[in-house]
Amino acid sequence: INDDDLGNLVDWAWQRGVTPRFIELMPLGEG
């Protein structure tokens, strides 16, 4: 779904001084 975009997220965030955080899918509710 978005695994091909993780690097783009990191680059975008770091260019702006934003901290990117990746969260593992939790097998609860919608997950």
PDB file of all heavy atoms in Angstrom:
ATOM      1  N   ILE A   1       0.829  -1.206   0.000  1.00  0.00           N
ATOM      2  CA  ILE A   1       0.000   0.000   0.000  1.00  0.00           C
ATOM      3  C   ILE A   1       0.864   1.257   0.000  1.00  0.00           C
ATOM      4  O   ILE A   1       0.712   2.116  -0.856  1.00  0.00           O
ATOM      5  CB  ILE A   1      -0.990   0.004   1.184  1.00  0.00           C
ATOM      6  CG1 ILE A   1      -1.965  -1.168   1.023  1.00  0.00           C
ATOM      7  CG2 ILE A   1      -1.740   1.336   1.269  1.00  0.00           C
ATOM      8  CD1 ILE A   1      -2.950  -1.330   2.154  1.00  0.00           C
ATOM      9  N   ASN A   2       1.776   1.363   0.972  1.00  0.00           N
ATOM     10  CA  ASN A   2       2.644   2.542   1.013  1.00  0.00           C
ATOM     11  C   ASN A   2       4.118   2.186   1.210  1.00  0.00           C
ATOM     12  O   ASN A   2       4.944   3.067   1.391  1.00  0.00           O
ATOM     13  CB  ASN A   2       2.193   3.520   2.109  1.00  0.00           C
ATOM     14  CG  ASN A   2       2.396   2.966   3.507  1.00  0.00           C
ATOM     15  OD1 ASN A   2       2.635   1.776   3.704  1.00  0.00           O
ATOM     16  ND2 ASN A   2       2.292   3.840   4.487  1.00  0.00           N
ATOM     17  N   ASP A   3       4.445   0.907   1.172  1.00  0.00           N
ATOM     18  CA  ASP A   3       5.822   0.496   1.430  1.00  0.00           C
ATOM     19  C   ASP A   3       6.805   1.010   0.397  1.00  0.00           C
ATOM     20  O   ASP A   3       7.992   1.153   0.679  1.00  0.00           O
ATOM     21  CB  ASP A   3       5.932  -1.025   1.574  1.00  0.00           C
ATOM     22  CG  ASP A   3       5.370  -1.800   0.399  1.00  0.00           C
ATOM     23  OD1 ASP A   3       4.536  -1.251  -0.352  1.00  0.00           O
ATOM     24  OD2 ASP A   3       5.758  -2.963   0.236  1.00  0.00           O
ATOM     25  N   ASP A   4       6.324   1.360  -0.785  1.00  0.00           N
ATOM     26  CA  ASP A   4       7.203   1.912  -1.818  1.00  0.00           C
ATOM     27  C   ASP A   4       7.447   3.408  -1.632  1.00  0.00           C
ATOM     28  O   ASP A   4       8.228   4.005  -2.359  1.00  0.00           O
ATOM     29  CB  ASP A   4       6.622   1.644  -3.206  1.00  0.00           C
ATOM     30  CG  ASP A   4       5.264   2.290  -3.410  1.00  0.00           C
ATOM     31  OD1 ASP A   4       4.568   2.583  -2.407  1.00  0.00           O
ATOM     32  OD2 ASP A   4       4.871   2.499  -4.569  1.00  0.00           O
ATOM     33  N   ASP A   5       6.806   4.018  -0.655  1.00  0.00           N
ATOM     34  CA  ASP A   5       6.906   5.462  -0.454  1.00  0.00           C
ATOM     35  C   ASP A   5       7.622   5.835   0.848  1.00  0.00           C
ATOM     36  O   ASP A   5       7.723   7.015   1.181  1.00  0.00           O
ATOM     37  CB  ASP A   5       5.493   6.070  -0.467  1.00  0.00           C
ATOM     38  CG  ASP A   5       5.477   7.536  -0.835  1.00  0.00           C
ATOM     39  OD1 ASP A   5       6.403   7.989  -1.550  1.00  0.00           O
ATOM     40  OD2 ASP A   5       4.555   8.245  -0.405  1.00  0.00           O
ATOM     41  N   LEU A   6       8.121   4.856   1.595  1.00  0.00           N
ATOM     42  CA  LEU A   6       8.748   5.138   2.883  1.00  0.00           C
ATOM     43  C   LEU A   6       9.977   6.030   2.734  1.00  0.00           C
ATOM     44  O   LEU A   6      10.171   6.969   3.514  1.00  0.00           O
ATOM     45  CB  LEU A   6       9.116   3.837   3.598  1.00  0.00           C
ATOM     46  CG  LEU A   6       7.973   2.838   3.841  1.00  0.00           C
ATOM     47  CD1 LEU A   6       8.474   1.627   4.609  1.00  0.00           C
ATOM     48  CD2 LEU A   6       6.805   3.494   4.543  1.00  0.00           C
ATOM     49  N   GLY A   7      10.795   5.779   1.746  1.00  0.00           N
ATOM     50  CA  GLY A   7      11.980   6.598   1.512  1.00  0.00           C
ATOM     51  C   GLY A   7      11.621   8.033   1.168  1.00  0.00           C
ATOM     52  O   GLY A   7      12.266   8.975   1.638  1.00  0.00           O
ATOM     53  N   ASN A   8      10.587   8.207   0.359  1.00  0.00           N
ATOM     54  CA  ASN A   8      10.137   9.566   0.020  1.00  0.00           C
ATOM     55  C   ASN A   8       9.674  10.311   1.261  1.00  0.00           C
ATOM     56  O   ASN A   8       9.924  11.510   1.398  1.00  0.00           O
ATOM     57  CB  ASN A   8       9.000   9.522  -1.001  1.00  0.00           C
ATOM     58  CG  ASN A   8       9.445   9.031  -2.355  1.00  0.00           C
ATOM     59  OD1 ASN A   8      10.598   9.190  -2.731  1.00  0.00           O
ATOM     60  ND2 ASN A   8       8.542   8.407  -3.081  1.00  0.00           N
ATOM     61  N   LEU A   9       8.983   9.616   2.159  1.00  0.00           N
ATOM     62  CA  LEU A   9       8.531  10.244   3.409  1.00  0.00           C
ATOM     63  C   LEU A   9       9.719  10.714   4.241  1.00  0.00           C
ATOM     64  O   LEU A   9       9.711  11.830   4.780  1.00  0.00           O
ATOM     65  CB  LEU A   9       7.683   9.269   4.225  1.00  0.00           C
ATOM     66  CG  LEU A   9       6.214   9.170   3.866  1.00  0.00           C
ATOM     67  CD1 LEU A   9       5.580   7.982   4.575  1.00  0.00           C
ATOM     68  CD2 LEU A   9       5.487  10.450   4.213  1.00  0.00           C
ATOM     69  N   VAL A  10      10.730   9.869   4.362  1.00  0.00           N
ATOM     70  CA  VAL A  10      11.923  10.226   5.126  1.00  0.00           C
ATOM     71  C   VAL A  10      12.605  11.444   4.509  1.00  0.00           C
ATOM     72  O   VAL A  10      12.939  12.415   5.199  1.00  0.00           O
ATOM     73  CB  VAL A  10      12.896   9.028   5.216  1.00  0.00           C
ATOM     74  CG1 VAL A  10      14.264   9.466   5.719  1.00  0.00           C
ATOM     75  CG2 VAL A  10      12.324   7.952   6.116  1.00  0.00           C
ATOM     76  N   ASP A  11      12.810  11.410   3.201  1.00  0.00           N
ATOM     77  CA  ASP A  11      13.481  12.535   2.527  1.00  0.00           C
ATOM     78  C   ASP A  11      12.689  13.823   2.714  1.00  0.00           C
ATOM     79  O   ASP A  11      13.256  14.867   3.044  1.00  0.00           O
ATOM     80  CB  ASP A  11      13.647  12.234   1.035  1.00  0.00           C
ATOM     81  CG  ASP A  11      14.578  11.064   0.760  1.00  0.00           C
ATOM     82  OD1 ASP A  11      15.362  10.685   1.667  1.00  0.00           O
ATOM     83  OD2 ASP A  11      14.507  10.515  -0.351  1.00  0.00           O
ATOM     84  N   TRP A  12      11.383  13.757   2.490  1.00  0.00           N
ATOM     85  CA  TRP A  12      10.523  14.947   2.634  1.00  0.00           C
ATOM     86  C   TRP A  12      10.611  15.491   4.057  1.00  0.00           C
ATOM     87  O   TRP A  12      10.778  16.703   4.259  1.00  0.00           O
ATOM     88  CB  TRP A  12       9.079  14.573   2.274  1.00  0.00           C
ATOM     89  CG  TRP A  12       8.126  15.703   2.378  1.00  0.00           C
ATOM     90  CD1 TRP A  12       7.786  16.584   1.383  1.00  0.00           C
ATOM     91  CD2 TRP A  12       7.379  16.096   3.538  1.00  0.00           C
ATOM     92  NE1 TRP A  12       6.885  17.504   1.873  1.00  0.00           N
ATOM     93  CE2 TRP A  12       6.621  17.224   3.185  1.00  0.00           C
ATOM     94  CE3 TRP A  12       7.290  15.608   4.833  1.00  0.00           C
ATOM     95  CZ2 TRP A  12       5.772  17.876   4.080  1.00  0.00           C
ATOM     96  CZ3 TRP A  12       6.452  16.249   5.733  1.00  0.00           C
ATOM     97  CH2 TRP A  12       5.707  17.366   5.361  1.00  0.00           C
ATOM     98  N   ALA A  13      10.500  14.620   5.030  1.00  0.00           N
ATOM     99  CA  ALA A  13      10.513  15.057   6.427  1.00  0.00           C
ATOM    100  C   ALA A  13      11.861  15.665   6.804  1.00  0.00           C
ATOM    101  O   ALA A  13      11.913  16.775   7.365  1.00  0.00           O
ATOM    102  CB  ALA A  13      10.186  13.871   7.339  1.00  0.00           C
ATOM    103  N   TRP A  14      12.938  14.981   6.514  1.00  0.00           N
ATOM    104  CA  TRP A  14      14.257  15.465   6.913  1.00  0.00           C
ATOM    105  C   TRP A  14      14.605  16.792   6.235  1.00  0.00           C
ATOM    106  O   TRP A  14      15.280  17.628   6.826  1.00  0.00           O
ATOM    107  CB  TRP A  14      15.322  14.420   6.647  1.00  0.00           C
ATOM    108  CG  TRP A  14      15.310  13.307   7.666  1.00  0.00           C
ATOM    109  CD1 TRP A  14      14.664  13.299   8.874  1.00  0.00           C
ATOM    110  CD2 TRP A  14      15.962  12.060   7.571  1.00  0.00           C
ATOM    111  NE1 TRP A  14      14.877  12.113   9.527  1.00  0.00           N
ATOM    112  CE2 TRP A  14      15.676  11.331   8.752  1.00  0.00           C
ATOM    113  CE3 TRP A  14      16.769  11.472   6.601  1.00  0.00           C
ATOM    114  CZ2 TRP A  14      16.173  10.057   8.990  1.00  0.00           C
ATOM    115  CZ3 TRP A  14      17.263  10.198   6.839  1.00  0.00           C
ATOM    116  CH2 TRP A  14      16.974   9.497   8.023  1.00  0.00           C
ATOM    117  N   GLN A  15      14.140  16.989   5.006  1.00  0.00           N
ATOM    118  CA  GLN A  15      14.384  18.264   4.324  1.00  0.00           C
ATOM    119  C   GLN A  15      13.732  19.432   5.051  1.00  0.00           C
ATOM    120  O   GLN A  15      14.155  20.573   4.900  1.00  0.00           O
ATOM    121  CB  GLN A  15      13.871  18.204   2.881  1.00  0.00           C
ATOM    122  CG  GLN A  15      14.697  17.341   1.975  1.00  0.00           C
ATOM    123  CD  GLN A  15      14.011  17.073   0.650  1.00  0.00           C
ATOM    124  OE1 GLN A  15      12.916  17.570   0.369  1.00  0.00           O
ATOM    125  NE2 GLN A  15      14.648  16.264  -0.187  1.00  0.00           N
ATOM    126  N   ARG A  16      12.718  19.146   5.857  1.00  0.00           N
ATOM    127  CA  ARG A  16      11.967  20.191   6.555  1.00  0.00           C
ATOM    128  C   ARG A  16      12.251  20.246   8.058  1.00  0.00           C
ATOM    129  O   ARG A  16      11.651  21.034   8.768  1.00  0.00           O
ATOM    130  CB  ARG A  16      10.474  19.966   6.317  1.00  0.00           C
ATOM    131  CG  ARG A  16      10.085  20.295   4.899  1.00  0.00           C
ATOM    132  CD  ARG A  16       8.796  19.624   4.468  1.00  0.00           C
ATOM    133  NE  ARG A  16       8.481  20.005   3.105  1.00  0.00           N
ATOM    134  CZ  ARG A  16       9.052  19.486   2.016  1.00  0.00           C
ATOM    135  NH1 ARG A  16       9.980  18.546   2.143  1.00  0.00           N
ATOM    136  NH2 ARG A  16       8.717  19.894   0.818  1.00  0.00           N
ATOM    137  N   GLY A  17      13.118  19.369   8.541  1.00  0.00           N
ATOM    138  CA  GLY A  17      13.395  19.322   9.970  1.00  0.00           C
ATOM    139  C   GLY A  17      12.297  18.625  10.757  1.00  0.00           C
ATOM    140  O   GLY A  17      12.142  18.845  11.957  1.00  0.00           O
ATOM    141  N   VAL A  18      11.554  17.762  10.088  1.00  0.00           N
ATOM    142  CA  VAL A  18      10.473  16.988  10.692  1.00  0.00           C
ATOM    143  C   VAL A  18      10.998  15.584  10.962  1.00  0.00           C
ATOM    144  O   VAL A  18      11.767  15.037  10.162  1.00  0.00           O
ATOM    145  CB  VAL A  18       9.245  16.948   9.740  1.00  0.00           C
ATOM    146  CG1 VAL A  18       8.194  15.976  10.207  1.00  0.00           C
ATOM    147  CG2 VAL A  18       8.663  18.352   9.562  1.00  0.00           C
ATOM    148  N   THR A  19      10.591  14.998  12.076  1.00  0.00           N
ATOM    149  CA  THR A  19      11.002  13.631  12.414  1.00  0.00           C
ATOM    150  C   THR A  19       9.977  12.640  11.869  1.00  0.00           C
ATOM    151  O   THR A  19       8.811  12.689  12.258  1.00  0.00           O
ATOM    152  CB  THR A  19      11.097  13.459  13.947  1.00  0.00           C
ATOM    153  OG1 THR A  19      12.046  14.393  14.454  1.00  0.00           O
ATOM    154  CG2 THR A  19      11.506  12.036  14.311  1.00  0.00           C
ATOM    155  N   PRO A  20      10.397  11.737  10.967  1.00  0.00           N
ATOM    156  CA  PRO A  20       9.471  10.697  10.496  1.00  0.00           C
ATOM    157  C   PRO A  20       9.493   9.512  11.456  1.00  0.00           C
ATOM    158  O   PRO A  20      10.549   9.119  11.945  1.00  0.00           O
ATOM    159  CB  PRO A  20      10.054  10.307   9.142  1.00  0.00           C
ATOM    160  CG  PRO A  20      11.528  10.551   9.286  1.00  0.00           C
ATOM    161  CD  PRO A  20      11.670  11.720  10.248  1.00  0.00           C
ATOM    162  N   ARG A  21       8.315   8.970  11.722  1.00  0.00           N
ATOM    163  CA  ARG A  21       8.209   7.783  12.580  1.00  0.00           C
ATOM    164  C   ARG A  21       7.361   6.750  11.853  1.00  0.00           C
ATOM    165  O   ARG A  21       6.295   7.069  11.337  1.00  0.00           O
ATOM    166  CB  ARG A  21       7.566   8.130  13.920  1.00  0.00           C
ATOM    167  CG  ARG A  21       8.385   9.112  14.694  1.00  0.00           C
ATOM    168  CD  ARG A  21       7.944   9.348  16.100  1.00  0.00           C
ATOM    169  NE  ARG A  21       6.509   9.320  16.321  1.00  0.00           N
ATOM    170  CZ  ARG A  21       5.951   9.211  17.505  1.00  0.00           C
ATOM    171  NH1 ARG A  21       6.694   9.102  18.584  1.00  0.00           N
ATOM    172  NH2 ARG A  21       4.664   9.235  17.650  1.00  0.00           N
ATOM    173  N   PHE A  22       7.849   5.520  11.830  1.00  0.00           N
ATOM    174  CA  PHE A  22       7.110   4.436  11.205  1.00  0.00           C
ATOM    175  C   PHE A  22       6.561   3.527  12.281  1.00  0.00           C
ATOM    176  O   PHE A  22       7.263   3.151  13.208  1.00  0.00           O
ATOM    177  CB  PHE A  22       7.996   3.677  10.220  1.00  0.00           C
ATOM    178  CG  PHE A  22       8.405   4.539   9.069  1.00  0.00           C
ATOM    179  CD1 PHE A  22       9.657   5.115   9.032  1.00  0.00           C
ATOM    180  CD2 PHE A  22       7.510   4.827   8.058  1.00  0.00           C
ATOM    181  CE1 PHE A  22      10.029   5.953   8.000  1.00  0.00           C
ATOM    182  CE2 PHE A  22       7.873   5.658   7.015  1.00  0.00           C
ATOM    183  CZ  PHE A  22       9.131   6.223   6.983  1.00  0.00           C
ATOM    184  N   ILE A  23       5.311   3.207  12.137  1.00  0.00           N
ATOM    185  CA  ILE A  23       4.583   2.426  13.128  1.00  0.00           C
ATOM    186  C   ILE A  23       4.185   1.109  12.487  1.00  0.00           C
ATOM    187  O   ILE A  23       3.662   1.081  11.367  1.00  0.00           O
ATOM    188  CB  ILE A  23       3.330   3.201  13.589  1.00  0.00           C
ATOM    189  CG1 ILE A  23       3.766   4.545  14.188  1.00  0.00           C
ATOM    190  CG2 ILE A  23       2.510   2.380  14.569  1.00  0.00           C
ATOM    191  CD1 ILE A  23       2.629   5.517  14.384  1.00  0.00           C
ATOM    192  N   GLU A  24       4.437   0.026  13.199  1.00  0.00           N
ATOM    193  CA  GLU A  24       4.018  -1.286  12.693  1.00  0.00           C
ATOM    194  C   GLU A  24       2.506  -1.417  12.817  1.00  0.00           C
ATOM    195  O   GLU A  24       1.909  -0.953  13.788  1.00  0.00           O
ATOM    196  CB  GLU A  24       4.698  -2.402  13.484  1.00  0.00           C
ATOM    197  CG  GLU A  24       6.183  -2.495  13.225  1.00  0.00           C
ATOM    198  CD  GLU A  24       6.811  -3.685  13.912  1.00  0.00           C
ATOM    199  OE1 GLU A  24       6.344  -4.827  13.685  1.00  0.00           O
ATOM    200  OE2 GLU A  24       7.750  -3.475  14.692  1.00  0.00           O
ATOM    201  N   LEU A  25       1.907  -2.062  11.838  1.00  0.00           N
ATOM    202  CA  LEU A  25       0.470  -2.315  11.839  1.00  0.00           C
ATOM    203  C   LEU A  25       0.084  -3.164  13.047  1.00  0.00           C
ATOM    204  O   LEU A  25       0.693  -4.200  13.301  1.00  0.00           O
ATOM    205  CB  LEU A  25       0.074  -3.048  10.550  1.00  0.00           C
ATOM    206  CG  LEU A  25      -1.388  -3.417  10.393  1.00  0.00           C
ATOM    207  CD1 LEU A  25      -2.244  -2.155  10.257  1.00  0.00           C
ATOM    208  CD2 LEU A  25      -1.567  -4.306   9.163  1.00  0.00           C
ATOM    209  N   MET A  26      -0.894  -2.689  13.780  1.00  0.00           N
ATOM    210  CA  MET A  26      -1.390  -3.423  14.946  1.00  0.00           C
ATOM    211  C   MET A  26      -2.589  -4.271  14.510  1.00  0.00           C
ATOM    212  O   MET A  26      -3.474  -3.757  13.814  1.00  0.00           O
ATOM    213  CB  MET A  26      -1.819  -2.461  16.047  1.00  0.00           C
ATOM    214  CG  MET A  26      -0.699  -1.587  16.575  1.00  0.00           C
ATOM    215  SD  MET A  26       0.479  -2.489  17.550  1.00  0.00           S
ATOM    216  CE  MET A  26      -0.484  -2.814  18.998  1.00  0.00           C
ATOM    217  N   PRO A  27      -2.645  -5.531  14.907  1.00  0.00           N
ATOM    218  CA  PRO A  27      -3.746  -6.400  14.489  1.00  0.00           C
ATOM    219  C   PRO A  27      -5.017  -6.171  15.325  1.00  0.00           C
ATOM    220  O   PRO A  27      -5.614  -7.099  15.844  1.00  0.00           O
ATOM    221  CB  PRO A  27      -3.170  -7.802  14.693  1.00  0.00           C
ATOM    222  CG  PRO A  27      -2.229  -7.630  15.837  1.00  0.00           C
ATOM    223  CD  PRO A  27      -1.642  -6.248  15.679  1.00  0.00           C
ATOM    224  N   LEU A  28      -5.414  -4.912  15.447  1.00  0.00           N
ATOM    225  CA  LEU A  28      -6.607  -4.532  16.211  1.00  0.00           C
ATOM    226  C   LEU A  28      -7.484  -3.638  15.348  1.00  0.00           C
ATOM    227  O   LEU A  28      -6.988  -2.889  14.519  1.00  0.00           O
ATOM    228  CB  LEU A  28      -6.206  -3.741  17.473  1.00  0.00           C
ATOM    229  CG  LEU A  28      -5.178  -4.380  18.389  1.00  0.00           C
ATOM    230  CD1 LEU A  28      -4.665  -3.363  19.394  1.00  0.00           C
ATOM    231  CD2 LEU A  28      -5.782  -5.564  19.097  1.00  0.00           C
ATOM    232  N   GLY A  29      -8.766  -3.674  15.556  1.00  0.00           N
ATOM    233  CA  GLY A  29      -9.691  -2.783  14.847  1.00  0.00           C
ATOM    234  C   GLY A  29      -9.502  -2.826  13.350  1.00  0.00           C
ATOM    235  O   GLY A  29      -9.499  -3.893  12.730  1.00  0.00           O
ATOM    236  N   GLU A  30      -9.293  -1.630  12.748  1.00  0.00           N
ATOM    237  CA  GLU A  30      -9.113  -1.533  11.298  1.00  0.00           C
ATOM    238  C   GLU A  30      -7.853  -2.275  10.843  1.00  0.00           C
ATOM    239  O   GLU A  30      -7.818  -2.815   9.745  1.00  0.00           O
ATOM    240  CB  GLU A  30      -9.044  -0.067  10.866  1.00  0.00           C
ATOM    241  CG  GLU A  30     -10.346   0.694  11.039  1.00  0.00           C
ATOM    242  CD  GLU A  30     -11.472   0.131  10.203  1.00  0.00           C
ATOM    243  OE1 GLU A  30     -11.252  -0.158   9.001  1.00  0.00           O
ATOM    244  OE2 GLU A  30     -12.576  -0.031  10.742  1.00  0.00           O
ATOM    245  N   GLY A  31      -6.820  -2.295  11.678  1.00  0.00           N
ATOM    246  CA  GLY A  31      -5.592  -3.006  11.346  1.00  0.00           C
ATOM    247  C   GLY A  31      -5.806  -4.494  11.173  1.00  0.00           C
ATOM    248  O   GLY A  31      -5.205  -5.127  10.313  1.00  0.00           O
TER     249      GLY A  31
END
